[in-house]
Structure formats: C-alpha cells, structure tokens
Amino acid sequence: MKKKEIIRILTLALMWFIAIIAFDIVINAKVFDKGDWLPYFQYTFTSVLPILIFYCLVISLSEGFFMNTLLRDYPFAIVVFTKAVLQFAVIYVIHLVGAYVITEFMPLSTNAAVNAHYAYLSASLNIFYVVYFFIVSFHFSLYAQVSRKLGSTNLYDIVMGTYFRPKEAQRIFMFLDLNQSTTIAEEIGHLKYSRLIQECFTKLTHHIDNYDAEVYQYVGDEAVLTWKNSDSSAAGKCIDLYLDFRNSLTKDAPQFERKYGIAPKFKVGISFGTVAIAEVGDYKRDIAFHGTVLNTGARLCQLCKEIKEDILFSTSFFDLLKTNKHQLTYVGDYMLTGRKSNEKVFRLL
C-alpha cells in the first residue's frame, strides 16, 4: 500500500471517528446527568475503542479501495451521491454488528445510563440517525471527490493558505505532450481524439501515485507533473514513471489501434530548478508555479520533435540525477526559445 493511500485512509478514519463521537455526545447531552459523562468516556475509550477504531477503518477502507475503483469513470455528481448512499449502507451494517457485539459480548459498564445508551444504539434506526449519518456520508464523499479533482496537496494548501504569499521551492517538472496531436485530431475527429486523450491520461494517473508525483495541470493534450522532493531519488522516480507509462502504452498499442487507428506516443521534457509558488485567481483559485524551469521543460518537450528524441533533460536535472542508477548522455547545446544562453541537453541512454 502506498504512503498517500495510507494517509488518505487514516485521515478519513479520523474524520469518521470525530463524527461518531460528536453524534454520541449530542444524543447523550439531553439524557445524561453530570455524573454520567465520566463513566461514559471511561467505558467508551477503554472497552469500546477497539471496535470504534475497527468501525472507522472499515468505512475508510471501503471508500479508499472498493468505491473509488467501482465509481472511477462516472460523472462527479453521480459519484458523490452514489458513494454517499453506499457508504451509509456500509456504515449502518457495521453499526448494527458493532452495537450487537457491545451489548451481547462486552462487559457492561458500572453506569446504568451508559448501558442504556449502548442498548439504544443497537436498535437506532431512527430519523435522527439516518439524517445525520447520510449528511456526514454525503459531505465526506464530496470532500473525497473535490480532493481528487483538485489534488489532495492542492486542496490542503488552498485551505491552509500555504502559498497565499508566494514562496520559493525546488521542483522537478515533467512535460508530456502527445506526438503529432494536430494530425491525429484531423484524422480521427475531435470527439474520438478527446476520448483518446482521456484514456491516455487515465493510464498516466495509475503511475502518478506509484512514483510520488503530483499533477500540476492538464493543458489540451499535454500533462505537466511535478515532484515535491528534489533529490536523486525523486529524479529516479521521475524517469521510472516515464518508462512505465511508455511501456503501458506500448503494451496496449493493439487496443489503441483498434479503437482509434493509432498507437499514441508522447514526447517528454524534464527540468529541475527553483520556482515561485503562489495561490492565484479568485473565482477559480489554484496553485501556480512561476520560473524559467517551466519554460525550460516546455521547450525541451518541443525540442524532442525537432531532433527526433522521445525524452530530453535539462542540465540541472542531469546534475541532480548523477548518483542514480539511470544514465543520461549528452546530446548537445541548444538555444531554447526565451533563453539568453545555450542549454546543455541530455537524453536517456
């Protein structure tokens, strides 16, 4: 299991844990006396806590694996509503099982009000329960989908205002651009061409989490990826992602040929350097990167077409990669558009 998936699952489990405790407190606020609260918390956090943790983990695992896979290719609104319904169903089944275990097999509390509370939960099919947990399911599903659409890192940075004021950082950038895109679009038509791009980028998505990459943006038939880390290991992952993506396209070439009449190939430019990161926009807020490193990566991508290479690297990326297993070889010095000096360009050996 990948680190990002573990963090996502644990975050959702914590959110559900807080929501369940809040639900319990609200229910008990009107029926517990002052002396009932301490026994309630003691019993809940000593006897019931393992069941509660298991409960939350099962809910978050169902979201992370089953529901995301099942509903990956449906529109946003359908995914949010369907996931809310399915998640609520999972919650209610687990709730009934957990409540039965607590009332039938767990030792009772010394406090009668606490025992009455858990006995009530075992038969809690009431309008308050249904409304509360469906609303919570809906909002958590909405959060999960917004996080996927914006990128979990982008969502966090926007909410926390990480880049409300511009900051500098070192980043690796990968520019992937479909070869002969104009010709392909003319030959197969724009709708079919759009489906081709969708399918290519869906395949790319499967590799992004494997190699700790983040999507900066999709622009037409171009995808721009970035790595938050800036060391030799991250540089190696960058090349590994490209090789795996290329291999998956090659493997599925017959399928692409049948559906679209072509086997897609991408030209790639990779650069590394210091960028300014800032939150931009008002109606459509986003995290933007500014700096010559982006221009270098885009121009290297264009240069691939001119000198008939699949992938090219900047000097700074070559220096970053030096201690890695991948070997790059010098191609030549080129004056990239918008630059005042030549750039030493490298290709994959």
Protein backbone atom coordinates (compact mmCIF):
# COMPACT_ATOMS: atom_id res chain seq x y z
CA MET A 1 0.00 0.00 0.00
CA LYS A 2 1.34 3.42 -0.98
CA LYS A 3 2.08 6.17 1.56
CA LYS A 4 -0.51 8.52 0.02
CA GLU A 5 -3.21 5.84 0.24
CA ILE A 6 -2.38 5.12 3.89
CA ILE A 7 -2.57 8.84 4.76
CA ARG A 8 -5.86 9.18 2.86
CA ILE A 9 -7.39 6.17 4.64
CA LEU A 10 -6.22 7.25 8.10
CA THR A 11 -7.45 10.81 7.53
CA LEU A 12 -10.92 9.59 6.55
CA ALA A 13 -10.94 7.17 9.51
CA LEU A 14 -10.12 10.05 11.86
CA MET A 15 -12.90 12.17 10.34
CA TRP A 16 -15.40 9.36 10.92
CA PHE A 17 -14.11 8.84 14.46
CA ILE A 18 -14.76 12.52 15.27
CA ALA A 19 -18.20 12.41 13.59
CA ILE A 20 -19.25 9.33 15.59
CA ILE A 21 -18.07 10.75 18.92
CA ALA A 22 -19.86 14.03 18.13
CA PHE A 23 -23.05 12.07 17.35
CA ASP A 24 -22.81 10.22 20.66
CA ILE A 25 -22.25 13.40 22.64
CA VAL A 26 -25.24 15.14 21.03
CA ILE A 27 -27.50 12.14 21.76
CA ASN A 28 -26.35 11.98 25.37
CA ALA A 29 -26.49 15.71 26.06
CA LYS A 30 -30.22 15.58 26.87
CA VAL A 31 -30.29 12.28 28.78
CA PHE A 32 -27.02 12.09 30.73
CA ASP A 33 -26.69 13.60 34.14
CA LYS A 34 -23.47 15.32 35.11
CA GLY A 35 -22.19 12.18 36.83
CA ASP A 36 -22.78 10.00 33.75
CA TRP A 37 -20.17 11.65 31.49
CA LEU A 38 -17.02 10.35 33.16
CA PRO A 39 -18.23 6.69 33.16
CA TYR A 40 -19.31 7.16 29.52
CA PHE A 41 -15.88 8.34 28.38
CA GLN A 42 -14.11 5.73 30.53
CA TYR A 43 -16.18 2.89 29.11
CA THR A 44 -16.05 4.20 25.52
CA PHE A 45 -12.30 4.74 25.45
CA THR A 46 -11.34 1.53 27.28
CA SER A 47 -13.86 -1.13 26.24
CA VAL A 48 -15.47 0.21 23.05
CA LEU A 49 -12.45 1.98 21.48
CA PRO A 50 -11.07 -1.10 19.58
CA ILE A 51 -14.48 -1.69 18.00
CA LEU A 52 -14.79 2.01 17.16
CA ILE A 53 -11.34 2.07 15.51
CA PHE A 54 -12.16 -1.05 13.51
CA TYR A 55 -15.51 0.52 12.55
CA CYS A 56 -13.82 3.69 11.22
CA LEU A 57 -11.08 1.81 9.38
CA VAL A 58 -13.58 -0.44 7.57
CA ILE A 59 -15.57 2.61 6.43
CA SER A 60 -12.45 4.40 5.17
CA LEU A 61 -11.07 1.27 3.50
CA SER A 62 -14.37 0.77 1.67
CA GLU A 63 -14.06 4.36 0.42
CA GLY A 64 -10.39 4.06 -0.50
CA PHE A 65 -10.50 0.77 -2.39
CA PHE A 66 -13.95 -0.52 -3.31
CA MET A 67 -15.87 2.69 -4.01
CA ASN A 68 -13.08 4.60 -5.76
CA THR A 69 -12.47 1.66 -8.11
CA LEU A 70 -16.15 0.97 -8.71
CA LEU A 71 -17.11 4.57 -9.48
CA ARG A 72 -13.92 5.89 -11.09
CA ASP A 73 -15.42 6.50 -14.54
CA TYR A 74 -18.68 8.25 -13.64
CA PRO A 75 -19.56 11.98 -13.51
CA PHE A 76 -18.82 13.98 -10.36
CA ALA A 77 -22.41 14.36 -9.07
CA ILE A 78 -23.27 10.69 -9.61
CA VAL A 79 -20.08 9.60 -7.85
CA VAL A 80 -20.71 11.84 -4.82
CA PHE A 81 -24.34 10.78 -4.35
CA THR A 82 -23.75 7.07 -5.04
CA LYS A 83 -20.76 6.95 -2.72
CA ALA A 84 -22.79 8.66 -0.02
CA VAL A 85 -25.56 6.05 -0.31
CA LEU A 86 -23.16 3.08 -0.46
CA GLN A 87 -21.04 4.45 2.37
CA PHE A 88 -24.13 4.97 4.52
CA ALA A 89 -25.16 1.36 3.85
CA VAL A 90 -21.72 0.13 4.89
CA ILE A 91 -21.86 2.34 7.99
CA TYR A 92 -25.26 1.07 9.07
CA VAL A 93 -24.39 -2.61 8.65
CA ILE A 94 -21.15 -2.17 10.61
CA HIS A 95 -23.00 -0.12 13.20
CA LEU A 96 -25.57 -2.86 13.84
CA VAL A 97 -22.86 -5.53 14.07
CA GLY A 98 -20.74 -3.38 16.39
CA ALA A 99 -23.69 -2.46 18.61
CA TYR A 100 -24.69 -6.16 18.86
CA VAL A 101 -21.16 -7.15 19.89
CA ILE A 102 -21.05 -4.39 22.52
CA THR A 103 -24.42 -5.26 24.08
CA GLU A 104 -24.14 -9.06 23.87
CA PHE A 105 -20.45 -9.87 24.36
CA MET A 106 -18.76 -6.89 26.02
CA PRO A 107 -18.78 -6.46 29.81
CA LEU A 108 -21.34 -3.91 30.98
CA SER A 109 -20.46 -0.51 32.36
CA THR A 110 -20.96 0.18 36.04
CA ASN A 111 -23.20 3.10 35.00
CA ALA A 112 -26.81 2.31 34.09
CA ALA A 113 -27.14 5.34 31.78
CA VAL A 114 -24.12 4.24 29.73
CA ASN A 115 -25.56 0.72 29.36
CA ALA A 116 -28.92 2.18 28.33
CA HIS A 117 -27.17 4.35 25.73
CA TYR A 118 -25.42 1.41 24.05
CA ALA A 119 -28.59 -0.70 24.21
CA TYR A 120 -30.38 2.16 22.42
CA LEU A 121 -27.70 2.24 19.70
CA SER A 122 -28.29 -1.43 18.90
CA ALA A 123 -31.80 -0.50 17.69
CA SER A 124 -31.14 3.05 16.50
CA LEU A 125 -32.95 3.04 13.15
CA ASN A 126 -34.47 6.47 13.75
CA ILE A 127 -34.82 9.59 11.67
CA PHE A 128 -32.08 11.46 13.56
CA TYR A 129 -29.55 8.67 12.98
CA VAL A 130 -30.44 8.30 9.30
CA VAL A 131 -30.35 12.05 8.54
CA TYR A 132 -27.15 12.73 10.49
CA PHE A 133 -25.06 9.92 9.04
CA PHE A 134 -26.34 10.36 5.50
CA ILE A 135 -25.40 14.05 5.64
CA VAL A 136 -21.98 13.14 7.05
CA SER A 137 -21.54 10.47 4.34
CA PHE A 138 -22.50 12.98 1.66
CA HIS A 139 -20.07 15.63 2.88
CA PHE A 140 -17.21 13.17 3.28
CA SER A 141 -17.88 11.82 -0.23
CA LEU A 142 -17.94 15.38 -1.54
CA TYR A 143 -14.65 16.10 0.23
CA ALA A 144 -13.05 12.96 -1.24
CA GLN A 145 -14.13 13.86 -4.79
CA VAL A 146 -13.05 17.51 -4.50
CA SER A 147 -9.73 16.28 -3.16
CA ARG A 148 -9.34 14.00 -6.20
CA LYS A 149 -10.31 16.78 -8.62
CA LEU A 150 -8.01 19.44 -7.13
CA GLY A 151 -5.34 17.09 -5.87
CA SER A 152 -5.12 16.38 -2.14
CA THR A 153 -1.99 18.52 -1.77
CA ASN A 154 -3.53 21.46 -3.64
CA LEU A 155 -6.72 21.28 -1.57
CA TYR A 156 -4.73 21.28 1.67
CA ASP A 157 -2.51 24.16 0.51
CA ILE A 158 -5.51 26.26 -0.58
CA VAL A 159 -7.44 25.62 2.65
CA MET A 160 -4.41 26.32 4.85
CA GLY A 161 -3.21 29.27 2.73
CA THR A 162 0.25 27.75 2.35
CA TYR A 163 1.03 29.81 -0.74
CA PHE A 164 -1.23 32.81 -0.09
CA ARG A 165 2.03 34.72 -0.19
CA PRO A 166 4.49 33.48 -2.86
CA LYS A 167 7.23 31.12 -1.70
CA GLU A 168 10.28 29.63 -3.39
CA ALA A 169 10.97 25.91 -3.69
CA GLN A 170 12.95 23.49 -5.81
CA ARG A 171 10.86 21.26 -8.03
CA ILE A 172 11.20 18.67 -10.79
CA PHE A 173 8.82 19.15 -13.72
CA MET A 174 7.83 16.67 -16.42
CA PHE A 175 6.04 17.89 -19.55
CA LEU A 176 4.29 15.14 -21.55
CA ASP A 177 2.88 16.06 -24.95
CA LEU A 178 1.16 13.77 -27.45
CA ASN A 179 3.15 13.29 -30.66
CA GLN A 180 1.51 14.51 -33.89
CA SER A 181 -1.55 15.68 -31.98
CA THR A 182 -2.87 18.01 -34.71
CA THR A 183 -2.59 15.32 -37.38
CA ILE A 184 -4.27 12.73 -35.15
CA ALA A 185 -7.15 15.10 -34.30
CA GLU A 186 -7.76 15.79 -38.01
CA GLU A 187 -7.71 12.11 -38.89
CA ILE A 188 -9.98 10.70 -36.19
CA GLY A 189 -12.13 13.74 -35.32
CA HIS A 190 -12.24 15.82 -32.16
CA LEU A 191 -14.60 13.65 -30.11
CA LYS A 192 -12.63 10.49 -30.74
CA TYR A 193 -9.43 12.44 -30.15
CA SER A 194 -10.75 13.65 -26.78
CA ARG A 195 -11.57 10.07 -25.77
CA LEU A 196 -8.02 9.08 -26.74
CA ILE A 197 -6.56 11.80 -24.52
CA GLN A 198 -8.85 10.76 -21.66
CA GLU A 199 -7.70 7.16 -21.94
CA CYS A 200 -4.02 8.11 -22.10
CA PHE A 201 -4.23 10.34 -19.05
CA THR A 202 -6.21 7.71 -17.13
CA LYS A 203 -3.32 5.32 -17.73
CA LEU A 204 -0.90 8.03 -16.64
CA THR A 205 -2.87 8.51 -13.40
CA HIS A 206 -2.22 4.90 -12.41
CA HIS A 207 1.53 5.64 -12.40
CA ILE A 208 1.40 9.03 -10.66
CA ASP A 209 0.81 7.70 -7.13
CA ASN A 210 3.35 4.89 -7.66
CA TYR A 211 6.15 7.42 -8.07
CA ASP A 212 5.07 10.22 -5.68
CA ALA A 213 4.26 12.65 -8.50
CA GLU A 214 1.62 15.38 -8.46
CA VAL A 215 -0.37 16.70 -11.39
CA TYR A 216 0.32 20.40 -11.86
CA GLN A 217 -2.05 20.82 -14.80
CA TYR A 218 -3.56 19.33 -17.94
CA VAL A 219 -3.43 21.66 -20.94
CA GLY A 220 -5.09 20.23 -24.04
CA ASP A 221 -3.09 17.13 -24.95
CA GLU A 222 -0.27 17.99 -22.52
CA ALA A 223 0.14 16.90 -18.90
CA VAL A 224 2.55 18.62 -16.52
CA LEU A 225 3.71 16.64 -13.49
CA THR A 226 5.85 17.80 -10.60
CA TRP A 227 7.72 16.28 -7.66
CA LYS A 228 7.74 17.97 -4.26
CA ASN A 229 11.01 16.32 -3.29
CA SER A 230 14.15 17.49 -5.06
CA ASP A 231 16.77 14.80 -4.66
CA SER A 232 18.34 11.99 -6.68
CA SER A 233 15.68 9.52 -5.54
CA ALA A 234 12.87 11.75 -6.83
CA ALA A 235 14.73 12.22 -10.11
CA GLY A 236 14.95 8.45 -10.48
CA LYS A 237 11.23 8.09 -9.80
CA CYS A 238 10.57 10.67 -12.49
CA ILE A 239 12.36 8.54 -15.10
CA ASP A 240 10.77 5.33 -13.79
CA LEU A 241 7.32 6.88 -14.19
CA TYR A 242 8.08 7.79 -17.80
CA LEU A 243 9.39 4.30 -18.59
CA ASP A 244 6.38 2.58 -17.00
CA PHE A 245 3.95 4.90 -18.77
CA ARG A 246 5.69 4.31 -22.11
CA ASN A 247 5.64 0.55 -21.54
CA SER A 248 1.92 0.57 -20.70
CA LEU A 249 1.16 2.49 -23.91
CA THR A 250 3.29 0.04 -25.90
CA LYS A 251 1.57 -2.94 -24.28
CA ASP A 252 -1.87 -1.54 -25.11
CA ALA A 253 -0.90 -0.37 -28.61
CA PRO A 254 -3.05 -3.05 -30.37
CA GLN A 255 -6.08 -1.92 -28.34
CA PHE A 256 -5.46 1.74 -29.27
CA GLU A 257 -5.04 0.75 -32.93
CA ARG A 258 -8.43 -0.99 -32.94
CA LYS A 259 -10.25 1.88 -31.23
CA TYR A 260 -8.55 4.93 -32.72
CA GLY A 261 -6.43 3.74 -35.62
CA ILE A 262 -3.21 4.95 -33.98
CA ALA A 263 -0.87 3.97 -31.14
CA PRO A 264 -0.21 7.11 -29.02
CA LYS A 265 3.32 8.18 -28.15
CA PHE A 266 4.40 11.11 -26.03
CA LYS A 267 7.38 13.42 -26.22
CA VAL A 268 8.73 14.43 -22.84
CA GLY A 269 10.79 17.31 -21.46
CA ILE A 270 12.13 17.19 -17.90
CA SER A 271 13.67 20.07 -15.97
CA PHE A 272 14.62 20.93 -12.42
CA GLY A 273 15.15 24.21 -10.59
CA THR A 274 13.81 26.90 -8.30
CA VAL A 275 10.27 28.16 -8.82
CA ALA A 276 7.98 30.64 -7.11
CA ILE A 277 4.74 29.03 -5.86
CA ALA A 278 1.71 31.23 -5.38
CA GLU A 279 -2.05 30.98 -4.91
CA VAL A 280 -3.70 32.71 -7.87
CA GLY A 281 -7.19 33.55 -9.05
CA ASP A 282 -10.42 34.38 -7.29
CA TYR A 283 -13.41 32.64 -8.92
CA LYS A 284 -11.18 29.70 -9.83
CA ARG A 285 -8.42 29.54 -7.26
CA ASP A 286 -5.36 27.44 -7.98
CA ILE A 287 -1.72 26.92 -7.04
CA ALA A 288 0.59 28.22 -9.79
CA PHE A 289 4.33 27.84 -10.40
CA HIS A 290 6.44 30.58 -11.97
CA GLY A 291 10.04 30.42 -13.16
CA THR A 292 12.40 29.62 -16.03
CA VAL A 293 12.41 25.94 -15.06
CA LEU A 294 8.89 25.59 -16.50
CA ASN A 295 9.89 27.32 -19.72
CA THR A 296 12.90 25.00 -19.99
CA GLY A 297 10.78 21.87 -19.57
CA ALA A 298 8.22 23.03 -22.15
CA ARG A 299 10.95 23.96 -24.68
CA LEU A 300 12.70 20.62 -24.19
CA CYS A 301 9.40 18.93 -24.98
CA GLN A 302 9.22 20.91 -28.24
CA LEU A 303 12.87 20.14 -28.99
CA CYS A 304 12.09 16.40 -28.89
CA LYS A 305 10.12 16.82 -32.11
CA GLU A 306 12.87 18.83 -33.82
CA ILE A 307 15.71 16.40 -33.09
CA LYS A 308 13.54 13.25 -33.08
CA GLU A 309 14.02 12.20 -29.46
CA ASP A 310 11.39 10.76 -27.11
CA ILE A 311 12.64 12.39 -23.92
CA LEU A 312 15.12 15.18 -23.11
CA PHE A 313 16.56 16.51 -19.84
CA SER A 314 17.97 19.83 -18.67
CA THR A 315 21.46 20.35 -17.25
CA SER A 316 20.13 20.92 -13.73
CA PHE A 317 18.21 17.64 -13.83
CA PHE A 318 21.34 15.83 -15.08
CA ASP A 319 23.28 17.22 -12.09
CA LEU A 320 20.52 16.13 -9.71
CA LEU A 321 20.42 12.58 -11.13
CA LYS A 322 24.18 11.91 -11.07
CA THR A 323 24.18 9.34 -8.28
CA ASN A 324 21.12 7.47 -9.57
CA LYS A 325 21.05 4.16 -11.48
CA HIS A 326 19.72 5.80 -14.66
CA GLN A 327 22.31 7.04 -17.13
CA LEU A 328 21.92 10.14 -19.29
CA THR A 329 24.05 11.04 -22.28
CA TYR A 330 24.89 14.48 -23.67
CA VAL A 331 23.04 15.47 -26.87
CA GLY A 332 24.31 18.99 -27.47
CA ASP A 333 23.95 22.68 -26.65
CA TYR A 334 20.70 24.31 -27.79
CA MET A 335 19.33 27.84 -27.65
CA LEU A 336 15.84 27.30 -26.24
CA THR A 337 13.16 29.85 -27.06
CA GLY A 338 13.08 32.62 -24.48
CA ARG A 339 16.56 31.87 -23.15
CA LYS A 340 19.65 34.08 -23.41
CA SER A 341 22.21 31.30 -23.20
CA ASN A 342 22.56 27.76 -24.51
CA GLU A 343 21.21 24.83 -22.53
CA LYS A 344 23.16 21.57 -22.35
CA VAL A 345 20.61 18.92 -23.27
CA PHE A 346 20.70 15.23 -22.33
CA ARG A 347 18.79 12.13 -23.35
CA LEU A 348 18.20 8.74 -21.73
CA LEU A 349 20.96 6.25 -22.51
